[in-house]
């Protein structure tokens, strides 16, 4: 089987993504470069559509941008601010717990390493890696459903879980792409390479894609 030209494909998608809506976490990163605000927007984004996350994030960050300010908001009020993000009650408790821990253990600052980030409640590898890349500019690979799905569609990994995908990508993805891989594939996955009914006919990298070629051959 012909090797997938990952460099060429990502260079094309990097240029194309300017036409697509960037993920909300990427927008927060571009605007603030503040690790705490990026962490907050990432927590809100879990199991929630991006447009809903965007509204809730904008609303919350217009009121509270630090752990101290989050803790000043009563729980019921915080729930109303972030509603209707998925699991908004749980996320309210999570944001409060994280804010308290950051103040007590980290002088109000978000830690800049994976091990410490994973100690925070509600923070898994996806969230931690996104904070590292978007908040601190560190080399890490954030794997969400889009990254997991598209990487398997391209055939550069053969994995069952996002965590397996992360570790496989560390072996096959050139390090220069680690930081941007998530933002590129999320924008691509939301607009073109959708889970159901992908728009292969207008995809800018369809000639390289084994999945698109397989679909094309089935229609013949």
N, C-alpha and C. Protein backbone atom coordinates (compact mmCIF):
# COMPACT_ATOMS: atom_id res chain seq x y z
N UNK A 1 0.84 -1.20 0.00
CA UNK A 1 0.00 0.00 0.00
C UNK A 1 0.88 1.25 0.00
N UNK A 2 0.48 2.25 -0.78
CA UNK A 2 1.25 3.49 -0.88
C UNK A 2 1.22 4.23 0.44
N UNK A 3 2.37 4.75 0.85
CA UNK A 3 2.46 5.48 2.12
C UNK A 3 1.69 6.79 2.04
N UNK A 4 0.93 7.08 3.09
CA UNK A 4 0.14 8.31 3.14
C UNK A 4 1.07 9.52 3.30
N UNK A 5 0.96 10.51 2.39
CA UNK A 5 1.88 11.68 2.42
C UNK A 5 1.46 12.72 3.46
N UNK A 6 1.70 12.41 4.73
CA UNK A 6 1.17 13.22 5.82
C UNK A 6 1.64 14.68 5.76
N UNK A 7 2.90 14.91 5.43
CA UNK A 7 3.40 16.29 5.35
C UNK A 7 2.64 17.10 4.31
N UNK A 8 2.53 16.53 3.13
CA UNK A 8 1.86 17.23 2.03
C UNK A 8 0.39 17.51 2.36
N UNK A 9 -0.27 16.51 2.93
CA UNK A 9 -1.69 16.64 3.28
C UNK A 9 -1.89 17.73 4.35
N UNK A 10 -1.06 17.74 5.37
CA UNK A 10 -1.22 18.73 6.44
C UNK A 10 -0.87 20.14 5.98
N UNK A 11 0.06 20.26 5.06
CA UNK A 11 0.37 21.58 4.50
C UNK A 11 -0.83 22.14 3.74
N UNK A 12 -1.51 21.26 3.00
CA UNK A 12 -2.72 21.68 2.26
C UNK A 12 -3.82 22.09 3.24
N UNK A 13 -4.05 21.25 4.24
CA UNK A 13 -5.13 21.51 5.20
C UNK A 13 -4.83 22.73 6.07
N UNK A 14 -3.57 22.97 6.37
CA UNK A 14 -3.19 24.15 7.15
C UNK A 14 -3.62 25.42 6.44
N UNK A 15 -3.44 25.45 5.13
CA UNK A 15 -3.85 26.63 4.33
C UNK A 15 -5.38 26.69 4.22
N UNK A 16 -5.99 25.53 4.00
CA UNK A 16 -7.44 25.48 3.80
C UNK A 16 -8.22 25.84 5.06
N UNK A 17 -7.65 25.56 6.22
CA UNK A 17 -8.42 25.73 7.47
C UNK A 17 -8.78 27.19 7.75
N UNK A 18 -8.08 28.11 7.07
CA UNK A 18 -8.43 29.53 7.23
C UNK A 18 -9.86 29.79 6.76
N UNK A 19 -10.37 28.93 5.88
CA UNK A 19 -11.74 29.09 5.36
C UNK A 19 -12.78 28.52 6.32
N UNK A 20 -12.33 27.69 7.27
CA UNK A 20 -13.24 27.00 8.16
C UNK A 20 -13.25 27.64 9.54
N UNK A 21 -14.31 27.37 10.30
CA UNK A 21 -14.39 27.90 11.67
C UNK A 21 -13.38 27.17 12.55
N UNK A 22 -12.55 27.93 13.22
CA UNK A 22 -11.56 27.34 14.14
C UNK A 22 -12.28 26.86 15.40
N UNK A 23 -11.78 25.80 16.04
CA UNK A 23 -12.34 25.37 17.33
C UNK A 23 -12.26 26.49 18.35
N UNK A 24 -13.23 26.56 19.25
CA UNK A 24 -13.30 27.65 20.22
C UNK A 24 -12.03 27.74 21.08
N UNK A 25 -11.46 26.59 21.44
CA UNK A 25 -10.26 26.61 22.28
C UNK A 25 -9.10 27.29 21.54
N UNK A 26 -9.01 27.05 20.24
CA UNK A 26 -7.97 27.69 19.42
C UNK A 26 -8.19 29.20 19.38
N UNK A 27 -9.44 29.61 19.27
CA UNK A 27 -9.75 31.05 19.25
C UNK A 27 -9.38 31.72 20.57
N UNK A 28 -9.70 31.04 21.68
CA UNK A 28 -9.34 31.57 23.00
C UNK A 28 -7.82 31.68 23.11
N UNK A 29 -7.12 30.65 22.61
CA UNK A 29 -5.66 30.65 22.65
C UNK A 29 -5.08 31.82 21.85
N UNK A 30 -5.60 32.04 20.66
CA UNK A 30 -5.10 33.14 19.83
C UNK A 30 -5.34 34.49 20.48
N UNK A 31 -6.47 34.60 21.16
CA UNK A 31 -6.83 35.90 21.75
C UNK A 31 -6.09 36.19 23.05
N UNK A 32 -5.90 35.17 23.88
CA UNK A 32 -5.41 35.43 25.23
C UNK A 32 -4.06 34.80 25.57
N UNK A 33 -3.79 33.62 25.00
CA UNK A 33 -2.59 32.84 25.38
C UNK A 33 -2.57 32.55 26.88
N UNK A 34 -3.74 32.57 27.51
CA UNK A 34 -3.84 32.36 28.95
C UNK A 34 -4.19 30.90 29.23
N UNK A 35 -3.28 30.15 29.87
CA UNK A 35 -3.52 28.72 30.11
C UNK A 35 -4.80 28.43 30.91
N UNK A 36 -5.14 29.33 31.87
CA UNK A 36 -6.34 29.07 32.66
C UNK A 36 -7.60 29.23 31.80
N UNK A 37 -7.65 30.27 30.99
CA UNK A 37 -8.82 30.46 30.13
C UNK A 37 -8.94 29.33 29.11
N UNK A 38 -7.80 28.84 28.64
CA UNK A 38 -7.80 27.71 27.71
C UNK A 38 -8.29 26.45 28.41
N UNK A 39 -7.85 26.25 29.65
CA UNK A 39 -8.31 25.09 30.43
C UNK A 39 -9.82 25.17 30.65
N UNK A 40 -10.33 26.34 31.01
CA UNK A 40 -11.76 26.52 31.23
C UNK A 40 -12.55 26.20 29.96
N UNK A 41 -12.12 26.75 28.83
CA UNK A 41 -12.86 26.52 27.58
C UNK A 41 -12.80 25.05 27.17
N UNK A 42 -11.68 24.38 27.48
CA UNK A 42 -11.56 22.95 27.17
C UNK A 42 -12.50 22.12 28.03
N UNK A 43 -12.58 22.44 29.31
CA UNK A 43 -13.52 21.74 30.20
C UNK A 43 -14.95 21.91 29.70
N UNK A 44 -15.30 23.13 29.33
CA UNK A 44 -16.67 23.40 28.84
C UNK A 44 -16.96 22.66 27.52
N UNK A 45 -15.92 22.45 26.72
CA UNK A 45 -16.12 21.85 25.40
C UNK A 45 -16.39 20.34 25.43
N UNK A 46 -16.07 19.69 26.54
CA UNK A 46 -16.20 18.23 26.60
C UNK A 46 -17.67 17.82 26.42
N UNK A 47 -17.89 16.92 25.48
CA UNK A 47 -19.23 16.39 25.18
C UNK A 47 -20.22 17.51 24.84
N UNK A 48 -19.75 18.55 24.17
CA UNK A 48 -20.60 19.70 23.83
C UNK A 48 -20.25 20.20 22.44
N UNK A 49 -21.27 20.59 21.67
CA UNK A 49 -21.02 21.13 20.33
C UNK A 49 -20.27 22.45 20.43
N UNK A 50 -19.43 22.70 19.42
CA UNK A 50 -18.54 23.86 19.47
C UNK A 50 -19.29 25.19 19.55
N UNK A 51 -20.41 25.29 18.84
CA UNK A 51 -21.14 26.57 18.87
C UNK A 51 -21.73 26.85 20.25
N UNK A 52 -22.13 25.79 20.95
CA UNK A 52 -22.65 25.95 22.32
C UNK A 52 -21.51 26.32 23.26
N UNK A 53 -20.38 25.62 23.10
CA UNK A 53 -19.19 25.92 23.92
C UNK A 53 -18.76 27.37 23.72
N UNK A 54 -18.78 27.83 22.48
CA UNK A 54 -18.32 29.19 22.18
C UNK A 54 -19.13 30.23 22.94
N UNK A 55 -20.45 30.10 22.94
CA UNK A 55 -21.31 31.07 23.63
C UNK A 55 -21.09 31.03 25.14
N UNK A 56 -21.01 29.81 25.69
CA UNK A 56 -20.82 29.67 27.13
C UNK A 56 -19.45 30.19 27.57
N UNK A 57 -18.44 29.91 26.76
CA UNK A 57 -17.08 30.37 27.08
C UNK A 57 -17.00 31.89 27.07
N UNK A 58 -17.57 32.50 26.02
CA UNK A 58 -17.55 33.97 25.92
C UNK A 58 -18.26 34.60 27.12
N UNK A 59 -19.39 34.00 27.48
CA UNK A 59 -20.17 34.54 28.60
C UNK A 59 -19.40 34.44 29.91
N UNK A 60 -18.83 33.25 30.16
CA UNK A 60 -18.12 33.04 31.42
C UNK A 60 -16.86 33.90 31.50
N UNK A 61 -16.07 33.94 30.42
CA UNK A 61 -14.81 34.68 30.45
C UNK A 61 -15.02 36.19 30.47
N UNK A 62 -16.22 36.64 30.15
CA UNK A 62 -16.51 38.08 30.29
C UNK A 62 -16.76 38.44 31.75
N UNK A 63 -17.00 37.40 32.58
CA UNK A 63 -17.29 37.62 34.00
C UNK A 63 -16.11 37.20 34.88
N UNK A 64 -15.50 36.06 34.52
CA UNK A 64 -14.43 35.51 35.36
C UNK A 64 -13.31 34.95 34.49
N UNK A 65 -12.10 35.41 34.75
CA UNK A 65 -10.94 34.96 33.95
C UNK A 65 -9.82 34.37 34.80
N UNK A 66 -10.03 34.26 36.09
CA UNK A 66 -9.00 33.72 36.98
C UNK A 66 -9.66 32.72 37.92
N UNK A 67 -8.87 31.84 38.55
CA UNK A 67 -9.42 30.91 39.54
C UNK A 67 -10.14 31.65 40.67
N UNK A 68 -9.55 32.76 41.10
CA UNK A 68 -10.15 33.54 42.20
C UNK A 68 -11.54 34.05 41.81
N UNK A 69 -11.68 34.53 40.58
CA UNK A 69 -12.97 35.06 40.12
C UNK A 69 -14.00 33.94 39.94
N UNK A 70 -13.55 32.76 39.51
CA UNK A 70 -14.47 31.62 39.38
C UNK A 70 -15.05 31.26 40.75
N UNK A 71 -14.20 31.22 41.77
CA UNK A 71 -14.64 30.83 43.11
C UNK A 71 -15.62 31.82 43.73
N UNK A 72 -15.58 33.06 43.28
CA UNK A 72 -16.49 34.08 43.83
C UNK A 72 -17.93 33.91 43.31
N UNK A 73 -18.10 33.18 42.22
CA UNK A 73 -19.43 33.01 41.63
C UNK A 73 -20.18 31.89 42.35
N UNK A 74 -21.38 32.14 42.89
CA UNK A 74 -22.16 31.06 43.51
C UNK A 74 -22.45 29.94 42.50
N UNK A 75 -22.52 28.72 42.99
CA UNK A 75 -22.70 27.56 42.10
C UNK A 75 -23.90 27.71 41.17
N UNK A 76 -25.04 28.10 41.72
CA UNK A 76 -26.25 28.21 40.90
C UNK A 76 -26.08 29.24 39.78
N UNK A 77 -25.41 30.32 40.11
CA UNK A 77 -25.18 31.36 39.10
C UNK A 77 -24.23 30.86 38.01
N UNK A 78 -23.18 30.13 38.44
CA UNK A 78 -22.22 29.58 37.47
C UNK A 78 -22.90 28.58 36.55
N UNK A 79 -23.79 27.78 37.10
CA UNK A 79 -24.56 26.83 36.27
C UNK A 79 -25.35 27.56 35.19
N UNK A 80 -25.99 28.66 35.58
CA UNK A 80 -26.78 29.43 34.61
C UNK A 80 -25.90 30.06 33.54
N UNK A 81 -24.71 30.50 33.93
CA UNK A 81 -23.79 31.15 32.98
C UNK A 81 -23.34 30.18 31.90
N UNK A 82 -23.00 28.93 32.30
CA UNK A 82 -22.44 27.98 31.31
C UNK A 82 -23.51 27.12 30.64
N UNK A 83 -24.74 27.14 31.15
CA UNK A 83 -25.83 26.41 30.51
C UNK A 83 -26.01 26.93 29.07
N UNK A 84 -26.24 26.08 28.04
CA UNK A 84 -26.59 24.65 28.08
C UNK A 84 -25.44 23.70 27.72
N UNK A 85 -24.20 23.96 28.12
CA UNK A 85 -23.15 22.99 27.82
C UNK A 85 -23.51 21.66 28.47
N UNK A 86 -23.03 20.58 27.88
CA UNK A 86 -23.31 19.25 28.41
C UNK A 86 -22.79 19.11 29.83
N UNK A 87 -23.60 18.48 30.71
CA UNK A 87 -23.19 18.22 32.10
C UNK A 87 -22.76 19.51 32.82
N UNK A 88 -23.56 20.54 32.62
CA UNK A 88 -23.18 21.86 33.16
C UNK A 88 -23.08 21.87 34.68
N UNK A 89 -23.87 21.05 35.36
CA UNK A 89 -23.78 21.01 36.84
C UNK A 89 -22.45 20.38 37.26
N UNK A 90 -22.11 19.26 36.61
CA UNK A 90 -20.83 18.60 36.91
C UNK A 90 -19.65 19.51 36.59
N UNK A 91 -19.76 20.23 35.46
CA UNK A 91 -18.67 21.12 35.05
C UNK A 91 -18.53 22.31 36.00
N UNK A 92 -19.64 22.75 36.56
CA UNK A 92 -19.57 23.81 37.58
C UNK A 92 -18.75 23.34 38.77
N UNK A 93 -19.04 22.12 39.24
CA UNK A 93 -18.28 21.57 40.38
C UNK A 93 -16.80 21.38 40.01
N UNK A 94 -16.57 20.90 38.78
CA UNK A 94 -15.19 20.68 38.33
C UNK A 94 -14.41 21.99 38.28
N UNK A 95 -15.01 23.03 37.71
CA UNK A 95 -14.33 24.33 37.62
C UNK A 95 -14.01 24.90 39.00
N UNK A 96 -14.94 24.70 39.94
CA UNK A 96 -14.70 25.17 41.31
C UNK A 96 -13.55 24.39 41.96
N UNK A 97 -13.57 23.06 41.80
CA UNK A 97 -12.50 22.23 42.40
C UNK A 97 -11.14 22.58 41.81
N UNK A 98 -11.09 22.70 40.48
CA UNK A 98 -9.83 23.04 39.82
C UNK A 98 -9.31 24.39 40.29
N UNK A 99 -10.20 25.37 40.35
CA UNK A 99 -9.80 26.72 40.77
C UNK A 99 -9.23 26.71 42.18
N UNK A 100 -9.88 25.95 43.08
CA UNK A 100 -9.42 25.87 44.47
C UNK A 100 -8.03 25.22 44.55
N UNK A 101 -7.84 24.13 43.79
CA UNK A 101 -6.55 23.43 43.78
C UNK A 101 -5.45 24.32 43.21
N UNK A 102 -5.75 25.02 42.13
CA UNK A 102 -4.74 25.89 41.52
C UNK A 102 -4.28 26.98 42.48
N UNK A 103 -5.21 27.52 43.24
CA UNK A 103 -4.86 28.56 44.21
C UNK A 103 -4.04 27.98 45.36
N UNK A 104 -4.49 26.84 45.87
CA UNK A 104 -3.84 26.25 47.05
C UNK A 104 -2.49 25.59 46.76
N UNK A 105 -2.36 24.98 45.58
CA UNK A 105 -1.15 24.19 45.30
C UNK A 105 -0.21 24.79 44.25
N UNK A 106 -0.76 25.65 43.39
CA UNK A 106 0.05 26.14 42.26
C UNK A 106 0.09 27.66 42.17
N UNK A 107 -0.17 28.33 43.29
CA UNK A 107 -0.15 29.81 43.31
C UNK A 107 -1.08 30.43 42.26
N UNK A 108 -2.18 29.75 42.00
CA UNK A 108 -3.17 30.28 41.06
C UNK A 108 -2.83 30.09 39.60
N UNK A 109 -1.72 29.36 39.34
CA UNK A 109 -1.27 29.16 37.95
C UNK A 109 -1.55 27.72 37.49
N UNK A 110 -1.83 27.56 36.22
CA UNK A 110 -2.01 26.23 35.63
C UNK A 110 -0.64 25.59 35.44
N UNK A 111 -0.44 24.37 35.91
CA UNK A 111 0.87 23.70 35.72
C UNK A 111 1.14 23.46 34.24
N UNK A 112 2.43 23.46 33.89
CA UNK A 112 2.79 23.36 32.47
C UNK A 112 3.38 22.00 32.11
N UNK A 113 3.00 20.96 32.87
CA UNK A 113 3.46 19.62 32.49
C UNK A 113 2.32 18.62 32.62
N UNK A 114 2.41 17.57 31.84
CA UNK A 114 1.33 16.59 31.72
C UNK A 114 1.00 15.92 33.05
N UNK A 115 2.01 15.52 33.76
CA UNK A 115 1.81 14.79 35.01
C UNK A 115 0.98 15.59 36.01
N UNK A 116 1.31 16.88 36.17
CA UNK A 116 0.58 17.72 37.12
C UNK A 116 -0.83 18.04 36.62
N UNK A 117 -0.96 18.28 35.33
CA UNK A 117 -2.29 18.58 34.76
C UNK A 117 -3.25 17.41 34.97
N UNK A 118 -2.73 16.19 34.82
CA UNK A 118 -3.59 15.00 34.97
C UNK A 118 -4.05 14.77 36.41
N UNK A 119 -3.44 15.47 37.36
CA UNK A 119 -3.87 15.38 38.76
C UNK A 119 -5.12 16.22 39.02
N UNK A 120 -5.42 17.16 38.12
CA UNK A 120 -6.57 18.04 38.31
C UNK A 120 -7.86 17.29 38.01
N UNK A 121 -8.92 17.51 38.79
CA UNK A 121 -10.19 16.81 38.56
C UNK A 121 -10.77 17.14 37.19
N UNK A 122 -11.27 16.12 36.51
CA UNK A 122 -11.91 16.32 35.21
C UNK A 122 -10.95 16.51 34.06
N UNK A 123 -9.65 16.41 34.32
CA UNK A 123 -8.65 16.61 33.26
C UNK A 123 -8.05 15.27 32.84
N UNK A 124 -8.35 14.87 31.61
CA UNK A 124 -7.77 13.66 31.03
C UNK A 124 -6.66 14.04 30.06
N UNK A 125 -6.17 13.07 29.33
CA UNK A 125 -5.04 13.32 28.43
C UNK A 125 -5.40 14.31 27.33
N UNK A 126 -6.61 14.21 26.80
CA UNK A 126 -7.01 15.13 25.73
C UNK A 126 -6.95 16.58 26.21
N UNK A 127 -7.59 16.84 27.35
CA UNK A 127 -7.61 18.19 27.91
C UNK A 127 -6.21 18.67 28.26
N UNK A 128 -5.44 17.80 28.92
CA UNK A 128 -4.09 18.18 29.34
C UNK A 128 -3.21 18.52 28.14
N UNK A 129 -3.27 17.69 27.10
CA UNK A 129 -2.45 17.95 25.91
C UNK A 129 -2.87 19.22 25.18
N UNK A 130 -4.18 19.49 25.19
CA UNK A 130 -4.65 20.72 24.54
C UNK A 130 -4.16 21.96 25.29
N UNK A 131 -4.16 21.89 26.60
CA UNK A 131 -3.64 23.01 27.41
C UNK A 131 -2.14 23.19 27.16
N UNK A 132 -1.42 22.08 27.05
CA UNK A 132 0.03 22.16 26.80
C UNK A 132 0.32 22.80 25.45
N UNK A 133 -0.44 22.41 24.40
CA UNK A 133 -0.17 22.95 23.07
C UNK A 133 -0.67 24.38 22.92
N UNK A 134 -1.92 24.61 23.32
CA UNK A 134 -2.53 25.94 23.10
C UNK A 134 -2.12 26.95 24.17
N UNK A 135 -1.92 26.47 25.40
CA UNK A 135 -1.60 27.39 26.49
C UNK A 135 -0.13 27.66 26.69
N UNK A 136 0.70 26.64 26.38
CA UNK A 136 2.12 26.77 26.65
C UNK A 136 3.00 26.59 25.41
N UNK A 137 2.38 26.30 24.26
CA UNK A 137 3.14 26.13 23.02
C UNK A 137 4.07 24.93 23.05
N UNK A 138 3.72 23.91 23.83
CA UNK A 138 4.58 22.73 23.95
C UNK A 138 4.20 21.67 22.92
N UNK A 139 5.17 20.82 22.61
CA UNK A 139 4.91 19.73 21.67
C UNK A 139 4.13 18.62 22.37
N UNK A 140 2.88 18.46 21.96
CA UNK A 140 2.03 17.38 22.48
C UNK A 140 0.97 17.11 21.43
N UNK A 141 0.37 15.95 21.48
CA UNK A 141 -0.66 15.60 20.50
C UNK A 141 -1.99 15.43 21.23
N UNK A 142 -2.92 16.33 20.96
CA UNK A 142 -4.25 16.25 21.56
C UNK A 142 -5.15 15.43 20.64
N UNK A 143 -5.68 14.34 21.17
CA UNK A 143 -6.52 13.46 20.36
C UNK A 143 -7.96 13.51 20.86
N UNK A 144 -8.82 14.12 20.04
CA UNK A 144 -10.26 14.08 20.32
C UNK A 144 -10.91 13.14 19.31
N UNK A 145 -12.24 13.16 19.22
CA UNK A 145 -12.92 12.21 18.32
C UNK A 145 -12.55 12.46 16.86
N UNK A 146 -12.38 13.73 16.47
CA UNK A 146 -12.02 14.03 15.08
C UNK A 146 -10.64 13.49 14.73
N UNK A 147 -9.69 13.75 15.60
CA UNK A 147 -8.31 13.29 15.37
C UNK A 147 -8.26 11.77 15.32
N UNK A 148 -8.93 11.13 16.25
CA UNK A 148 -8.97 9.67 16.31
C UNK A 148 -9.59 9.09 15.04
N UNK A 149 -10.73 9.63 14.66
CA UNK A 149 -11.46 9.12 13.49
C UNK A 149 -10.71 9.35 12.19
N UNK A 150 -10.23 10.57 11.97
CA UNK A 150 -9.60 10.90 10.69
C UNK A 150 -8.25 10.21 10.54
N UNK A 151 -7.49 10.13 11.63
CA UNK A 151 -6.20 9.44 11.57
C UNK A 151 -6.38 7.98 11.16
N UNK A 152 -7.47 7.37 11.64
CA UNK A 152 -7.77 5.98 11.24
C UNK A 152 -8.29 5.92 9.81
N UNK A 153 -9.07 6.92 9.40
CA UNK A 153 -9.54 6.96 8.01
C UNK A 153 -8.38 7.06 7.04
N UNK A 154 -7.40 7.84 7.40
CA UNK A 154 -6.22 7.99 6.54
C UNK A 154 -5.34 6.75 6.55
N UNK A 155 -5.52 5.91 7.59
CA UNK A 155 -4.72 4.69 7.67
C UNK A 155 -3.34 4.90 8.27
N UNK A 156 -3.10 6.08 8.87
CA UNK A 156 -1.77 6.28 9.47
C UNK A 156 -1.69 5.65 10.86
N UNK A 157 -2.88 5.33 11.43
CA UNK A 157 -2.93 4.52 12.65
C UNK A 157 -4.05 3.50 12.47
N UNK A 158 -3.97 2.45 13.25
CA UNK A 158 -5.05 1.46 13.32
C UNK A 158 -5.30 1.23 14.80
N UNK A 159 -6.22 2.00 15.35
CA UNK A 159 -6.42 2.00 16.80
C UNK A 159 -7.90 1.98 17.15
N UNK A 160 -8.15 1.58 18.40
CA UNK A 160 -9.53 1.48 18.88
C UNK A 160 -9.92 2.65 19.79
N UNK A 161 -8.94 3.27 20.43
CA UNK A 161 -9.24 4.33 21.39
C UNK A 161 -8.39 5.58 21.11
N UNK A 162 -8.87 6.75 21.56
CA UNK A 162 -8.07 7.98 21.40
C UNK A 162 -6.69 7.89 22.06
N UNK A 163 -6.61 7.23 23.20
CA UNK A 163 -5.31 7.12 23.88
C UNK A 163 -4.33 6.29 23.05
N UNK A 164 -4.82 5.19 22.46
CA UNK A 164 -3.97 4.40 21.56
C UNK A 164 -3.53 5.24 20.37
N UNK A 165 -4.45 6.05 19.87
CA UNK A 165 -4.14 6.92 18.73
C UNK A 165 -3.03 7.91 19.09
N UNK A 166 -3.12 8.50 20.28
CA UNK A 166 -2.09 9.46 20.71
C UNK A 166 -0.70 8.82 20.67
N UNK A 167 -0.59 7.63 21.23
CA UNK A 167 0.72 6.98 21.31
C UNK A 167 1.21 6.51 19.94
N UNK A 168 0.29 6.09 19.08
CA UNK A 168 0.69 5.71 17.71
C UNK A 168 1.14 6.93 16.92
N UNK A 169 0.42 8.04 17.08
CA UNK A 169 0.79 9.27 16.36
C UNK A 169 2.16 9.78 16.78
N UNK A 170 2.53 9.56 18.02
CA UNK A 170 3.86 9.97 18.48
C UNK A 170 4.96 9.28 17.67
N UNK A 171 4.64 8.11 17.14
CA UNK A 171 5.62 7.34 16.37
C UNK A 171 5.64 7.72 14.89
N UNK A 172 4.47 8.12 14.35
CA UNK A 172 4.38 8.31 12.90
C UNK A 172 4.22 9.76 12.45
N UNK A 173 3.80 10.65 13.37
CA UNK A 173 3.55 12.04 12.99
C UNK A 173 4.80 12.88 13.20
N UNK A 174 5.29 13.56 12.15
CA UNK A 174 6.46 14.44 12.32
C UNK A 174 6.21 15.45 13.45
N UNK A 175 7.20 15.64 14.29
CA UNK A 175 7.03 16.46 15.50
C UNK A 175 6.62 17.89 15.19
N UNK A 176 6.99 18.39 14.02
CA UNK A 176 6.65 19.77 13.67
C UNK A 176 5.13 19.98 13.58
N UNK A 177 4.36 18.87 13.45
CA UNK A 177 2.91 18.96 13.33
C UNK A 177 2.18 18.70 14.64
N UNK A 178 2.89 18.27 15.67
CA UNK A 178 2.20 17.87 16.89
C UNK A 178 1.29 18.97 17.45
N UNK A 179 1.78 20.17 17.54
CA UNK A 179 1.02 21.27 18.16
C UNK A 179 -0.25 21.61 17.36
N UNK A 180 -0.14 21.58 16.04
CA UNK A 180 -1.25 22.04 15.19
C UNK A 180 -2.18 20.93 14.71
N UNK A 181 -1.81 19.70 14.95
CA UNK A 181 -2.57 18.56 14.40
C UNK A 181 -4.03 18.60 14.83
N UNK A 182 -4.27 18.87 16.10
CA UNK A 182 -5.65 18.89 16.60
C UNK A 182 -6.48 19.99 15.96
N UNK A 183 -5.96 21.21 15.94
CA UNK A 183 -6.76 22.33 15.40
C UNK A 183 -7.05 22.14 13.91
N UNK A 184 -6.08 21.57 13.18
CA UNK A 184 -6.28 21.31 11.76
C UNK A 184 -7.38 20.27 11.56
N UNK A 185 -7.27 19.15 12.28
CA UNK A 185 -8.21 18.04 12.06
C UNK A 185 -9.60 18.31 12.63
N UNK A 186 -9.67 19.10 13.70
CA UNK A 186 -11.00 19.46 14.23
C UNK A 186 -11.74 20.33 13.21
N UNK A 187 -11.08 21.36 12.70
CA UNK A 187 -11.72 22.22 11.69
C UNK A 187 -12.09 21.41 10.44
N UNK A 188 -11.19 20.54 10.01
CA UNK A 188 -11.42 19.68 8.84
C UNK A 188 -12.57 18.70 9.11
N UNK A 189 -12.58 18.13 10.31
CA UNK A 189 -13.61 17.14 10.66
C UNK A 189 -14.98 17.73 10.84
N UNK A 190 -15.06 18.98 11.26
CA UNK A 190 -16.35 19.63 11.46
C UNK A 190 -16.97 20.10 10.15
N UNK A 191 -16.13 20.33 9.13
CA UNK A 191 -16.64 20.93 7.90
C UNK A 191 -16.63 19.99 6.69
N UNK A 192 -15.58 19.18 6.56
CA UNK A 192 -15.43 18.33 5.37
C UNK A 192 -15.48 16.83 5.72
N UNK A 193 -14.55 16.39 6.55
CA UNK A 193 -14.41 14.96 6.85
C UNK A 193 -15.29 14.56 8.02
N UNK A 194 -16.60 14.70 7.81
CA UNK A 194 -17.57 14.45 8.88
C UNK A 194 -17.69 12.95 9.16
N UNK A 195 -18.15 12.60 10.37
CA UNK A 195 -18.27 11.18 10.70
C UNK A 195 -19.29 10.46 9.80
N UNK A 196 -20.40 11.15 9.53
CA UNK A 196 -21.43 10.59 8.63
C UNK A 196 -21.58 11.55 7.46
N UNK A 197 -21.56 10.99 6.25
CA UNK A 197 -21.69 11.83 5.05
C UNK A 197 -20.54 12.78 4.83
N UNK A 198 -19.30 12.30 4.90
CA UNK A 198 -18.15 13.18 4.63
C UNK A 198 -18.22 13.74 3.21
N UNK A 199 -17.77 14.98 3.03
CA UNK A 199 -17.87 15.65 1.73
C UNK A 199 -16.63 15.36 0.88
N UNK A 200 -16.45 14.08 0.56
CA UNK A 200 -15.25 13.66 -0.17
C UNK A 200 -15.13 14.36 -1.53
N UNK A 201 -16.29 14.67 -2.14
CA UNK A 201 -16.26 15.26 -3.49
C UNK A 201 -15.62 16.64 -3.51
N UNK A 202 -15.66 17.37 -2.38
CA UNK A 202 -15.05 18.70 -2.35
C UNK A 202 -13.82 18.74 -1.44
N UNK A 203 -13.37 17.58 -1.00
CA UNK A 203 -12.23 17.53 -0.08
C UNK A 203 -10.94 17.91 -0.79
N UNK A 204 -10.16 18.83 -0.22
CA UNK A 204 -8.93 19.29 -0.87
C UNK A 204 -7.81 18.24 -0.90
N UNK A 205 -7.98 17.15 -0.14
CA UNK A 205 -6.92 16.14 -0.15
C UNK A 205 -7.46 14.77 -0.58
N UNK A 206 -8.57 14.78 -1.32
CA UNK A 206 -9.22 13.51 -1.68
C UNK A 206 -8.32 12.60 -2.51
N UNK A 207 -7.45 13.15 -3.33
CA UNK A 207 -6.61 12.30 -4.18
C UNK A 207 -5.60 11.49 -3.37
N UNK A 208 -5.34 11.94 -2.14
CA UNK A 208 -4.39 11.22 -1.28
C UNK A 208 -5.08 10.24 -0.34
N UNK A 209 -6.39 10.39 -0.18
CA UNK A 209 -7.10 9.71 0.90
C UNK A 209 -7.60 8.31 0.51
N UNK A 210 -7.16 7.26 1.20
CA UNK A 210 -7.62 5.91 0.89
C UNK A 210 -9.11 5.73 1.15
N UNK A 211 -9.65 6.45 2.13
CA UNK A 211 -11.07 6.35 2.45
C UNK A 211 -11.91 6.93 1.32
N UNK A 212 -11.51 8.10 0.80
CA UNK A 212 -12.23 8.73 -0.31
C UNK A 212 -12.16 7.87 -1.56
N UNK A 213 -11.00 7.28 -1.81
CA UNK A 213 -10.84 6.42 -3.00
C UNK A 213 -11.69 5.16 -2.89
N UNK A 214 -11.79 4.63 -1.69
CA UNK A 214 -12.60 3.43 -1.47
C UNK A 214 -14.08 3.74 -1.73
N UNK A 215 -14.54 4.90 -1.24
CA UNK A 215 -15.93 5.32 -1.46
C UNK A 215 -16.20 5.54 -2.95
N UNK A 216 -15.23 6.16 -3.62
CA UNK A 216 -15.35 6.43 -5.06
C UNK A 216 -15.48 5.12 -5.85
N UNK A 217 -14.66 4.13 -5.51
CA UNK A 217 -14.69 2.85 -6.21
C UNK A 217 -15.97 2.09 -5.97
N UNK A 218 -16.55 2.26 -4.78
CA UNK A 218 -17.82 1.58 -4.46
C UNK A 218 -18.97 2.09 -5.31
N UNK A 219 -18.87 3.38 -5.68
CA UNK A 219 -19.96 4.00 -6.47
C UNK A 219 -19.90 3.62 -7.94
N UNK A 220 -18.75 3.10 -8.37
CA UNK A 220 -18.60 2.75 -9.79
C UNK A 220 -19.40 1.51 -10.15
